[in-house]
């Protein structure tokens, strides 16, 4: 019974992986956009802190990109498992 269900679902695995990768990319884009927007707003309010804000923004953006890359790789690997 389980083998029959898995055989019927197998063609949809690629579609699910593509949707997962797309959602991860969209989420990363939205997150980095929010980070950039907040950083520009903070720099406009306190121009003397621009260096600190910029360095923190770059670190946080790198973490968001890392999580997005991890999600894309997991969704692509799920096609082969």
N, C-alpha and C. Protein backbone atom coordinates (compact mmCIF):
# COMPACT_ATOMS: atom_id res chain seq x y z
N UNK A 1 0.81 -1.19 0.00
CA UNK A 1 0.00 0.00 0.00
C UNK A 1 0.86 1.26 0.00
N UNK A 2 1.87 1.29 0.87
CA UNK A 2 2.74 2.45 0.93
C UNK A 2 3.52 2.62 -0.38
N UNK A 3 3.95 1.52 -0.97
CA UNK A 3 4.68 1.59 -2.24
C UNK A 3 3.79 2.16 -3.35
N UNK A 4 2.53 1.84 -3.32
CA UNK A 4 1.59 2.38 -4.32
C UNK A 4 1.43 3.88 -4.15
N UNK A 5 1.32 4.32 -2.91
CA UNK A 5 1.18 5.76 -2.65
C UNK A 5 2.44 6.50 -3.07
N UNK A 6 3.61 5.97 -2.75
CA UNK A 6 4.86 6.61 -3.13
C UNK A 6 5.04 6.64 -4.64
N UNK A 7 4.60 5.62 -5.33
CA UNK A 7 4.70 5.59 -6.79
C UNK A 7 3.81 6.65 -7.42
N UNK A 8 2.67 6.92 -6.81
CA UNK A 8 1.78 7.94 -7.35
C UNK A 8 2.28 9.35 -7.05
N UNK A 9 2.98 9.53 -5.96
CA UNK A 9 3.45 10.85 -5.55
C UNK A 9 4.79 11.20 -6.20
N UNK A 10 5.53 10.24 -6.67
CA UNK A 10 6.88 10.45 -7.20
C UNK A 10 6.96 11.53 -8.28
N UNK A 11 6.04 11.63 -9.23
CA UNK A 11 6.16 12.69 -10.23
C UNK A 11 6.01 14.11 -9.66
N UNK A 12 5.41 14.24 -8.50
CA UNK A 12 5.20 15.56 -7.91
C UNK A 12 6.35 16.01 -7.04
N UNK A 13 7.34 15.16 -6.82
CA UNK A 13 8.46 15.52 -5.96
C UNK A 13 9.25 16.67 -6.56
N UNK A 14 9.49 16.65 -7.84
CA UNK A 14 10.23 17.74 -8.50
C UNK A 14 9.48 19.07 -8.40
N UNK A 15 8.18 19.02 -8.57
CA UNK A 15 7.38 20.23 -8.45
C UNK A 15 7.45 20.79 -7.03
N UNK A 16 7.38 19.92 -6.05
CA UNK A 16 7.46 20.36 -4.66
C UNK A 16 8.82 20.97 -4.34
N UNK A 17 9.87 20.38 -4.88
CA UNK A 17 11.22 20.93 -4.65
C UNK A 17 11.37 22.29 -5.29
N UNK A 18 10.82 22.47 -6.47
CA UNK A 18 10.89 23.77 -7.14
C UNK A 18 10.10 24.83 -6.38
N UNK A 19 8.94 24.46 -5.89
CA UNK A 19 8.13 25.40 -5.12
C UNK A 19 8.86 25.77 -3.82
N UNK A 20 9.47 24.79 -3.17
CA UNK A 20 10.22 25.07 -1.94
C UNK A 20 11.40 26.00 -2.19
N UNK A 21 12.13 25.77 -3.27
CA UNK A 21 13.27 26.64 -3.59
C UNK A 21 12.79 28.05 -3.92
N UNK A 22 11.67 28.16 -4.62
CA UNK A 22 11.14 29.47 -4.95
C UNK A 22 10.69 30.24 -3.72
N UNK A 23 10.03 29.56 -2.79
CA UNK A 23 9.59 30.21 -1.55
C UNK A 23 10.80 30.66 -0.73
N UNK A 24 11.85 29.85 -0.70
CA UNK A 24 13.06 30.24 0.03
C UNK A 24 13.71 31.48 -0.59
N UNK A 25 13.75 31.54 -1.91
CA UNK A 25 14.34 32.70 -2.59
C UNK A 25 13.50 33.95 -2.36
N UNK A 26 12.19 33.82 -2.43
CA UNK A 26 11.31 34.96 -2.19
C UNK A 26 11.46 35.45 -0.74
N UNK A 27 11.51 34.52 0.20
CA UNK A 27 11.69 34.89 1.60
C UNK A 27 13.00 35.61 1.84
N UNK A 28 14.07 35.16 1.20
CA UNK A 28 15.37 35.81 1.35
C UNK A 28 15.33 37.22 0.75
N UNK A 29 14.69 37.36 -0.39
CA UNK A 29 14.58 38.68 -1.00
C UNK A 29 13.80 39.66 -0.13
N UNK A 30 12.71 39.19 0.43
CA UNK A 30 11.92 40.04 1.32
C UNK A 30 12.71 40.40 2.59
N UNK A 31 13.42 39.42 3.13
CA UNK A 31 14.21 39.68 4.34
C UNK A 31 15.32 40.68 4.11
N UNK A 32 16.04 40.53 3.02
CA UNK A 32 17.13 41.46 2.73
C UNK A 32 16.60 42.85 2.40
N UNK A 33 15.45 42.91 1.73
CA UNK A 33 14.82 44.20 1.46
C UNK A 33 14.44 44.91 2.74
N UNK A 34 13.90 44.17 3.70
CA UNK A 34 13.53 44.75 5.00
C UNK A 34 14.76 45.21 5.76
N UNK A 35 15.83 44.43 5.70
CA UNK A 35 17.07 44.80 6.37
C UNK A 35 17.62 46.09 5.78
N UNK A 36 17.66 46.17 4.45
CA UNK A 36 18.17 47.38 3.79
C UNK A 36 17.32 48.59 4.09
N UNK A 37 16.02 48.42 4.08
CA UNK A 37 15.11 49.53 4.37
C UNK A 37 15.31 50.04 5.80
N UNK A 38 15.38 49.13 6.73
CA UNK A 38 15.57 49.53 8.13
C UNK A 38 16.94 50.18 8.35
N UNK A 39 17.95 49.67 7.68
CA UNK A 39 19.28 50.24 7.82
C UNK A 39 19.34 51.66 7.25
N UNK A 40 18.72 51.88 6.11
CA UNK A 40 18.72 53.23 5.53
C UNK A 40 17.95 54.21 6.41
N UNK A 41 16.88 53.73 7.01
CA UNK A 41 16.11 54.57 7.92
C UNK A 41 16.94 54.91 9.17
N UNK A 42 17.66 53.92 9.69
CA UNK A 42 18.49 54.15 10.87
C UNK A 42 19.64 55.10 10.56
N UNK A 43 20.23 54.97 9.38
CA UNK A 43 21.33 55.86 9.00
C UNK A 43 20.82 57.28 8.81
N UNK A 44 19.60 57.42 8.28
CA UNK A 44 19.03 58.75 8.11
C UNK A 44 18.77 59.41 9.47
N UNK A 45 18.42 58.62 10.46
CA UNK A 45 18.15 59.18 11.80
C UNK A 45 19.44 59.50 12.55
N UNK A 46 20.47 58.65 12.39
CA UNK A 46 21.74 58.85 13.08
C UNK A 46 22.90 58.67 12.10
N UNK A 47 23.22 59.70 11.35
CA UNK A 47 24.29 59.56 10.34
C UNK A 47 25.66 59.22 10.94
N UNK A 48 25.89 59.60 12.20
CA UNK A 48 27.20 59.32 12.80
C UNK A 48 27.40 57.84 13.10
N UNK A 49 26.34 57.07 13.12
CA UNK A 49 26.43 55.63 13.39
C UNK A 49 26.37 54.81 12.10
N UNK A 50 26.61 55.43 10.97
CA UNK A 50 26.46 54.74 9.68
C UNK A 50 27.39 53.53 9.55
N UNK A 51 28.61 53.63 10.03
CA UNK A 51 29.56 52.52 9.91
C UNK A 51 29.11 51.29 10.68
N UNK A 52 28.67 51.50 11.91
CA UNK A 52 28.20 50.38 12.73
C UNK A 52 26.94 49.75 12.13
N UNK A 53 26.03 50.60 11.69
CA UNK A 53 24.78 50.09 11.12
C UNK A 53 25.06 49.30 9.85
N UNK A 54 25.95 49.81 9.02
CA UNK A 54 26.28 49.14 7.76
C UNK A 54 26.92 47.78 8.01
N UNK A 55 27.84 47.72 8.96
CA UNK A 55 28.50 46.43 9.23
C UNK A 55 27.51 45.41 9.79
N UNK A 56 26.63 45.86 10.68
CA UNK A 56 25.60 44.94 11.20
C UNK A 56 24.65 44.50 10.10
N UNK A 57 24.32 45.40 9.18
CA UNK A 57 23.43 45.07 8.08
C UNK A 57 24.05 43.99 7.19
N UNK A 58 25.34 44.11 6.92
CA UNK A 58 26.01 43.14 6.06
C UNK A 58 26.05 41.77 6.72
N UNK A 59 26.30 41.72 8.04
CA UNK A 59 26.34 40.44 8.75
C UNK A 59 24.97 39.78 8.73
N UNK A 60 23.92 40.54 9.01
CA UNK A 60 22.57 39.98 9.04
C UNK A 60 22.15 39.53 7.64
N UNK A 61 22.48 40.32 6.61
CA UNK A 61 22.14 39.92 5.24
C UNK A 61 22.86 38.63 4.86
N UNK A 62 24.09 38.47 5.29
CA UNK A 62 24.82 37.23 5.01
C UNK A 62 24.16 36.04 5.70
N UNK A 63 23.68 36.23 6.91
CA UNK A 63 22.99 35.14 7.61
C UNK A 63 21.69 34.77 6.91
N UNK A 64 20.95 35.77 6.44
CA UNK A 64 19.71 35.49 5.70
C UNK A 64 20.01 34.73 4.41
N UNK A 65 21.04 35.14 3.71
CA UNK A 65 21.43 34.46 2.47
C UNK A 65 21.87 33.02 2.76
N UNK A 66 22.56 32.81 3.87
CA UNK A 66 22.99 31.46 4.23
C UNK A 66 21.80 30.55 4.50
N UNK A 67 20.82 31.06 5.21
CA UNK A 67 19.62 30.26 5.49
C UNK A 67 18.88 29.97 4.19
N UNK A 68 18.78 30.96 3.30
CA UNK A 68 18.09 30.74 2.02
C UNK A 68 18.83 29.71 1.17
N UNK A 69 20.14 29.78 1.13
CA UNK A 69 20.91 28.81 0.37
C UNK A 69 20.73 27.41 0.95
N UNK A 70 20.73 27.30 2.27
CA UNK A 70 20.50 26.02 2.92
C UNK A 70 19.12 25.47 2.55
N UNK A 71 18.10 26.33 2.54
CA UNK A 71 16.74 25.88 2.19
C UNK A 71 16.66 25.42 0.74
N UNK A 72 17.32 26.12 -0.15
CA UNK A 72 17.31 25.73 -1.57
C UNK A 72 18.01 24.39 -1.74
N UNK A 73 19.13 24.20 -1.08
CA UNK A 73 19.87 22.94 -1.22
C UNK A 73 19.05 21.78 -0.63
N UNK A 74 18.40 22.01 0.50
CA UNK A 74 17.58 20.95 1.09
C UNK A 74 16.43 20.59 0.17
N UNK A 75 15.79 21.58 -0.44
CA UNK A 75 14.67 21.28 -1.33
C UNK A 75 15.14 20.56 -2.59
N UNK A 76 16.31 20.87 -3.10
CA UNK A 76 16.82 20.18 -4.28
C UNK A 76 17.25 18.75 -3.90
N UNK A 77 17.88 18.60 -2.73
CA UNK A 77 18.27 17.25 -2.32
C UNK A 77 17.08 16.37 -2.02
N UNK A 78 15.96 16.97 -1.67
CA UNK A 78 14.77 16.17 -1.38
C UNK A 78 14.24 15.43 -2.63
N UNK A 79 14.63 15.90 -3.80
CA UNK A 79 14.21 15.21 -5.03
C UNK A 79 14.90 13.85 -5.16
N UNK A 80 16.09 13.71 -4.59
CA UNK A 80 16.88 12.51 -4.80
C UNK A 80 16.79 11.52 -3.65
N UNK A 81 16.10 11.86 -2.62
CA UNK A 81 16.01 10.96 -1.45
C UNK A 81 14.69 10.24 -1.45
